[in-house]
Amino acid sequence: TLIFDSSFQSSLPNAVLPAGVCNVTTLSTLTLAGLSLEGTIPSCLASLQHLELLSLERNSLTSTLPTELGLLSKVVYLTLYANSLEGSLPSEWVAMTNLVELSLGGNKLTG
């Protein structure tokens, strides 16, 4: 489990999602909420095959939703609301059959 929230924000101004987090393949929970993270959601997060909760809400993430996240077969909760994500929901995400909650509001998504 790796959890950071807005209480760490002052130490991470204009931060990007660290690609090294993708190397921690035993993670079941990844929460990086309210940290003003910028940039894109790394497609390498798909390598976190034990991930059950991915929470990246309340940041400044941009670009489209990575199709590779559809490989996260154990994800139950995926919260990406309140970012600046664009595009539409990738069809590959139907493979996330354990998904119970998907929160995408507050983005620029279409479709």
N, C-alpha and C. Protein backbone atom coordinates (compact mmCIF):
# COMPACT_ATOMS: atom_id res chain seq x y z
N THR A 1 0.84 -1.18 0.00
CA THR A 1 0.00 0.00 0.00
C THR A 1 0.88 1.24 0.00
N LEU A 2 0.57 2.17 -0.90
CA LEU A 2 1.27 3.44 -0.97
C LEU A 2 0.22 4.52 -1.02
N ILE A 3 0.17 5.36 0.02
CA ILE A 3 -0.84 6.40 0.11
C ILE A 3 -0.17 7.73 0.39
N PHE A 4 -0.45 8.69 -0.48
CA PHE A 4 -0.08 10.08 -0.27
C PHE A 4 -1.34 10.89 -0.56
N ASP A 5 -1.60 11.91 0.24
CA ASP A 5 -2.74 12.76 -0.03
C ASP A 5 -2.30 14.21 0.04
N SER A 6 -3.27 15.12 0.04
CA SER A 6 -2.95 16.54 -0.05
C SER A 6 -2.12 17.06 1.12
N SER A 7 -1.99 16.33 2.20
CA SER A 7 -1.14 16.78 3.31
C SER A 7 0.33 16.80 2.91
N PHE A 8 0.68 16.10 1.83
CA PHE A 8 2.06 16.09 1.32
C PHE A 8 2.26 17.09 0.20
N GLN A 9 1.21 17.81 -0.19
CA GLN A 9 1.26 18.67 -1.37
C GLN A 9 2.38 19.69 -1.31
N SER A 10 2.62 20.30 -0.18
CA SER A 10 3.63 21.35 -0.11
C SER A 10 5.03 20.82 -0.41
N SER A 11 5.24 19.53 -0.24
CA SER A 11 6.56 18.98 -0.52
C SER A 11 6.68 18.49 -1.96
N LEU A 12 5.59 18.53 -2.72
CA LEU A 12 5.61 18.04 -4.09
C LEU A 12 5.03 19.04 -5.08
N PRO A 13 5.48 20.30 -5.09
CA PRO A 13 4.90 21.25 -6.04
C PRO A 13 5.24 20.88 -7.47
N ASN A 14 4.26 20.97 -8.35
CA ASN A 14 4.44 20.67 -9.78
C ASN A 14 5.06 19.31 -10.01
N ALA A 15 4.65 18.33 -9.26
CA ALA A 15 5.22 16.98 -9.37
C ALA A 15 4.55 16.21 -10.49
N VAL A 16 5.23 15.19 -10.94
CA VAL A 16 4.67 14.24 -11.91
C VAL A 16 4.58 12.88 -11.23
N LEU A 17 3.72 12.05 -11.74
CA LEU A 17 3.57 10.72 -11.20
C LEU A 17 4.87 9.97 -11.42
N PRO A 18 5.53 9.51 -10.36
CA PRO A 18 6.84 8.87 -10.51
C PRO A 18 6.72 7.53 -11.23
N ALA A 19 7.46 7.38 -12.33
CA ALA A 19 7.43 6.14 -13.10
C ALA A 19 7.94 4.96 -12.27
N GLY A 20 8.79 5.23 -11.29
CA GLY A 20 9.33 4.18 -10.45
C GLY A 20 8.28 3.43 -9.65
N VAL A 21 7.11 4.05 -9.47
CA VAL A 21 6.04 3.37 -8.74
C VAL A 21 5.62 2.11 -9.49
N CYS A 22 5.83 2.06 -10.77
CA CYS A 22 5.46 0.89 -11.57
C CYS A 22 6.34 -0.32 -11.27
N ASN A 23 7.45 -0.10 -10.61
CA ASN A 23 8.36 -1.20 -10.26
C ASN A 23 7.97 -1.90 -8.97
N VAL A 24 7.03 -1.34 -8.24
CA VAL A 24 6.59 -1.93 -6.98
C VAL A 24 5.40 -2.84 -7.29
N THR A 25 5.67 -3.97 -7.89
CA THR A 25 4.63 -4.82 -8.46
C THR A 25 3.74 -5.50 -7.43
N THR A 26 4.09 -5.41 -6.15
CA THR A 26 3.26 -6.03 -5.12
C THR A 26 2.20 -5.09 -4.55
N LEU A 27 2.15 -3.85 -5.05
CA LEU A 27 1.18 -2.88 -4.53
C LEU A 27 -0.25 -3.36 -4.74
N SER A 28 -1.07 -3.23 -3.70
CA SER A 28 -2.50 -3.49 -3.85
C SER A 28 -3.30 -2.19 -3.79
N THR A 29 -2.71 -1.15 -3.21
CA THR A 29 -3.36 0.15 -3.10
C THR A 29 -2.38 1.24 -3.49
N LEU A 30 -2.79 2.10 -4.41
CA LEU A 30 -1.98 3.25 -4.79
C LEU A 30 -2.88 4.48 -4.75
N THR A 31 -2.64 5.35 -3.77
CA THR A 31 -3.42 6.57 -3.61
C THR A 31 -2.47 7.76 -3.65
N LEU A 32 -2.63 8.56 -4.69
CA LEU A 32 -1.85 9.79 -4.85
C LEU A 32 -2.85 10.90 -5.16
N ALA A 33 -3.65 11.23 -4.17
CA ALA A 33 -4.77 12.15 -4.33
C ALA A 33 -4.43 13.56 -3.88
N GLY A 34 -4.88 14.55 -4.64
CA GLY A 34 -4.76 15.94 -4.24
C GLY A 34 -3.34 16.44 -4.13
N LEU A 35 -2.45 15.93 -4.94
CA LEU A 35 -1.03 16.33 -4.87
C LEU A 35 -0.63 17.31 -5.97
N SER A 36 -1.57 17.75 -6.77
CA SER A 36 -1.29 18.63 -7.92
C SER A 36 -0.34 17.98 -8.90
N LEU A 37 -0.42 16.66 -9.04
CA LEU A 37 0.41 15.96 -10.01
C LEU A 37 0.07 16.42 -11.41
N GLU A 38 1.09 16.60 -12.24
CA GLU A 38 0.92 17.04 -13.61
C GLU A 38 1.39 15.95 -14.56
N GLY A 39 1.04 16.08 -15.82
CA GLY A 39 1.48 15.13 -16.83
C GLY A 39 0.43 14.07 -17.10
N THR A 40 0.88 12.94 -17.58
CA THR A 40 -0.03 11.87 -17.99
C THR A 40 -0.04 10.73 -16.97
N ILE A 41 -1.02 9.87 -17.10
CA ILE A 41 -1.06 8.65 -16.30
C ILE A 41 -0.15 7.64 -17.00
N PRO A 42 0.91 7.19 -16.36
CA PRO A 42 1.83 6.27 -17.02
C PRO A 42 1.17 4.94 -17.37
N SER A 43 1.34 4.50 -18.59
CA SER A 43 0.77 3.22 -19.01
C SER A 43 1.42 2.05 -18.27
N CYS A 44 2.60 2.27 -17.70
CA CYS A 44 3.28 1.21 -16.96
C CYS A 44 2.53 0.80 -15.70
N LEU A 45 1.53 1.60 -15.27
CA LEU A 45 0.73 1.20 -14.11
C LEU A 45 0.04 -0.14 -14.36
N ALA A 46 -0.12 -0.50 -15.63
CA ALA A 46 -0.74 -1.78 -15.98
C ALA A 46 0.09 -2.96 -15.49
N SER A 47 1.34 -2.73 -15.15
CA SER A 47 2.20 -3.81 -14.65
C SER A 47 1.92 -4.13 -13.18
N LEU A 48 1.10 -3.32 -12.52
CA LEU A 48 0.79 -3.53 -11.11
C LEU A 48 -0.39 -4.50 -11.00
N GLN A 49 -0.13 -5.75 -11.26
CA GLN A 49 -1.17 -6.77 -11.38
C GLN A 49 -1.89 -7.12 -10.08
N HIS A 50 -1.39 -6.66 -8.93
CA HIS A 50 -2.07 -6.91 -7.65
C HIS A 50 -2.90 -5.71 -7.21
N LEU A 51 -2.90 -4.67 -8.01
CA LEU A 51 -3.58 -3.43 -7.65
C LEU A 51 -5.09 -3.63 -7.57
N GLU A 52 -5.66 -3.25 -6.44
CA GLU A 52 -7.11 -3.31 -6.23
C GLU A 52 -7.72 -1.92 -6.13
N LEU A 53 -6.93 -0.93 -5.73
CA LEU A 53 -7.40 0.44 -5.63
C LEU A 53 -6.38 1.37 -6.25
N LEU A 54 -6.82 2.14 -7.22
CA LEU A 54 -5.98 3.16 -7.85
C LEU A 54 -6.72 4.49 -7.73
N SER A 55 -6.14 5.40 -6.98
CA SER A 55 -6.78 6.68 -6.69
C SER A 55 -5.82 7.81 -7.07
N LEU A 56 -6.16 8.51 -8.14
CA LEU A 56 -5.34 9.63 -8.61
C LEU A 56 -6.19 10.90 -8.73
N GLU A 57 -7.25 10.99 -7.95
CA GLU A 57 -8.16 12.12 -8.07
C GLU A 57 -7.56 13.41 -7.53
N ARG A 58 -8.19 14.51 -7.95
CA ARG A 58 -7.85 15.86 -7.50
C ARG A 58 -6.39 16.22 -7.78
N ASN A 59 -5.97 15.99 -9.01
CA ASN A 59 -4.64 16.37 -9.47
C ASN A 59 -4.79 17.24 -10.71
N SER A 60 -3.74 17.35 -11.49
CA SER A 60 -3.78 18.11 -12.75
C SER A 60 -3.30 17.22 -13.89
N LEU A 61 -3.72 15.96 -13.87
CA LEU A 61 -3.30 15.01 -14.90
C LEU A 61 -4.00 15.33 -16.21
N THR A 62 -3.28 15.18 -17.31
CA THR A 62 -3.80 15.52 -18.63
C THR A 62 -3.67 14.32 -19.57
N SER A 63 -4.07 14.50 -20.79
CA SER A 63 -3.99 13.51 -21.85
C SER A 63 -5.22 12.60 -21.82
N THR A 64 -5.10 11.44 -22.43
CA THR A 64 -6.22 10.51 -22.50
C THR A 64 -6.06 9.41 -21.46
N LEU A 65 -7.11 8.62 -21.29
CA LEU A 65 -7.06 7.49 -20.38
C LEU A 65 -6.26 6.36 -21.04
N PRO A 66 -5.23 5.86 -20.38
CA PRO A 66 -4.40 4.81 -20.99
C PRO A 66 -5.18 3.51 -21.21
N THR A 67 -5.16 3.01 -22.42
CA THR A 67 -5.85 1.75 -22.72
C THR A 67 -5.28 0.61 -21.91
N GLU A 68 -3.99 0.68 -21.59
CA GLU A 68 -3.30 -0.39 -20.87
C GLU A 68 -3.89 -0.66 -19.49
N LEU A 69 -4.54 0.33 -18.91
CA LEU A 69 -5.13 0.11 -17.58
C LEU A 69 -6.19 -0.99 -17.60
N GLY A 70 -6.69 -1.33 -18.77
CA GLY A 70 -7.62 -2.44 -18.90
C GLY A 70 -7.02 -3.77 -18.49
N LEU A 71 -5.69 -3.84 -18.39
CA LEU A 71 -5.01 -5.05 -17.96
C LEU A 71 -5.06 -5.25 -16.44
N LEU A 72 -5.54 -4.25 -15.72
CA LEU A 72 -5.59 -4.34 -14.26
C LEU A 72 -6.83 -5.14 -13.85
N SER A 73 -6.73 -6.43 -13.95
CA SER A 73 -7.88 -7.31 -13.75
C SER A 73 -8.38 -7.37 -12.31
N LYS A 74 -7.57 -6.97 -11.34
CA LYS A 74 -7.97 -7.04 -9.93
C LYS A 74 -8.50 -5.72 -9.39
N VAL A 75 -8.45 -4.66 -10.19
CA VAL A 75 -8.89 -3.35 -9.71
C VAL A 75 -10.38 -3.39 -9.37
N VAL A 76 -10.67 -2.90 -8.15
CA VAL A 76 -12.05 -2.80 -7.68
C VAL A 76 -12.48 -1.34 -7.68
N TYR A 77 -11.58 -0.43 -7.29
CA TYR A 77 -11.87 1.00 -7.22
C TYR A 77 -10.86 1.77 -8.06
N LEU A 78 -11.37 2.55 -9.00
CA LEU A 78 -10.53 3.39 -9.86
C LEU A 78 -11.10 4.79 -9.84
N THR A 79 -10.40 5.70 -9.17
CA THR A 79 -10.88 7.07 -9.03
C THR A 79 -9.90 8.04 -9.68
N LEU A 80 -10.38 8.71 -10.70
CA LEU A 80 -9.57 9.65 -11.47
C LEU A 80 -10.27 11.00 -11.60
N TYR A 81 -11.26 11.26 -10.76
CA TYR A 81 -12.04 12.49 -10.91
C TYR A 81 -11.21 13.73 -10.60
N ALA A 82 -11.70 14.87 -11.11
CA ALA A 82 -11.10 16.19 -10.86
C ALA A 82 -9.67 16.29 -11.36
N ASN A 83 -9.48 15.92 -12.62
CA ASN A 83 -8.22 16.12 -13.33
C ASN A 83 -8.54 16.89 -14.60
N SER A 84 -7.70 16.79 -15.60
CA SER A 84 -7.97 17.41 -16.90
C SER A 84 -7.82 16.36 -18.00
N LEU A 85 -8.34 15.18 -17.75
CA LEU A 85 -8.23 14.07 -18.69
C LEU A 85 -9.22 14.29 -19.84
N GLU A 86 -8.82 13.88 -21.04
CA GLU A 86 -9.63 14.09 -22.24
C GLU A 86 -9.85 12.77 -22.97
N GLY A 87 -10.74 12.81 -23.95
CA GLY A 87 -10.99 11.63 -24.78
C GLY A 87 -12.17 10.84 -24.25
N SER A 88 -12.18 9.57 -24.56
CA SER A 88 -13.29 8.71 -24.14
C SER A 88 -12.77 7.50 -23.38
N LEU A 89 -13.70 6.77 -22.81
CA LEU A 89 -13.36 5.57 -22.06
C LEU A 89 -12.86 4.50 -23.02
N PRO A 90 -11.64 3.99 -22.82
CA PRO A 90 -11.10 2.97 -23.73
C PRO A 90 -11.92 1.67 -23.68
N SER A 91 -12.18 1.09 -24.82
CA SER A 91 -12.94 -0.16 -24.87
C SER A 91 -12.21 -1.29 -24.15
N GLU A 92 -10.91 -1.21 -24.04
CA GLU A 92 -10.11 -2.22 -23.35
C GLU A 92 -10.44 -2.31 -21.86
N TRP A 93 -11.05 -1.27 -21.32
CA TRP A 93 -11.36 -1.25 -19.89
C TRP A 93 -12.48 -2.22 -19.52
N VAL A 94 -13.20 -2.78 -20.49
CA VAL A 94 -14.23 -3.77 -20.17
C VAL A 94 -13.62 -5.02 -19.54
N ALA A 95 -12.31 -5.21 -19.71
CA ALA A 95 -11.62 -6.36 -19.12
C ALA A 95 -11.45 -6.23 -17.61
N MET A 96 -11.71 -5.06 -17.06
CA MET A 96 -11.62 -4.87 -15.60
C MET A 96 -12.92 -5.38 -14.97
N THR A 97 -13.06 -6.67 -14.92
CA THR A 97 -14.32 -7.30 -14.50
C THR A 97 -14.59 -7.22 -13.00
N ASN A 98 -13.59 -6.90 -12.19
CA ASN A 98 -13.79 -6.74 -10.75
C ASN A 98 -14.12 -5.31 -10.35
N LEU A 99 -14.16 -4.41 -11.33
CA LEU A 99 -14.38 -3.00 -11.06
C LEU A 99 -15.77 -2.77 -10.47
N VAL A 100 -15.80 -2.15 -9.29
CA VAL A 100 -17.05 -1.83 -8.61
C VAL A 100 -17.33 -0.33 -8.69
N GLU A 101 -16.27 0.48 -8.58
CA GLU A 101 -16.44 1.93 -8.61
C GLU A 101 -15.46 2.55 -9.59
N LEU A 102 -16.01 3.33 -10.53
CA LEU A 102 -15.22 4.08 -11.49
C LEU A 102 -15.66 5.53 -11.38
N SER A 103 -14.77 6.39 -10.96
CA SER A 103 -15.11 7.80 -10.75
C SER A 103 -14.27 8.67 -11.68
N LEU A 104 -14.94 9.29 -12.67
CA LEU A 104 -14.25 10.06 -13.69
C LEU A 104 -14.75 11.50 -13.81
N GLY A 105 -15.67 11.91 -12.97
CA GLY A 105 -16.24 13.25 -13.07
C GLY A 105 -15.19 14.34 -12.94
N GLY A 106 -15.54 15.53 -13.44
CA GLY A 106 -14.63 16.66 -13.33
C GLY A 106 -13.46 16.60 -14.28
N ASN A 107 -13.60 15.87 -15.38
CA ASN A 107 -12.59 15.80 -16.44
C ASN A 107 -13.20 16.35 -17.72
N LYS A 108 -12.51 16.22 -18.82
CA LYS A 108 -13.00 16.69 -20.12
C LYS A 108 -13.27 15.51 -21.03
N LEU A 109 -13.86 14.47 -20.47
CA LEU A 109 -14.10 13.24 -21.22
C LEU A 109 -15.35 13.37 -22.08
N THR A 110 -15.36 12.63 -23.19
CA THR A 110 -16.50 12.63 -24.10
C THR A 110 -17.00 11.21 -24.29
N GLY A 111 -18.19 11.10 -24.88
CA GLY A 111 -18.72 9.79 -25.25
C GLY A 111 -19.47 9.06 -24.20
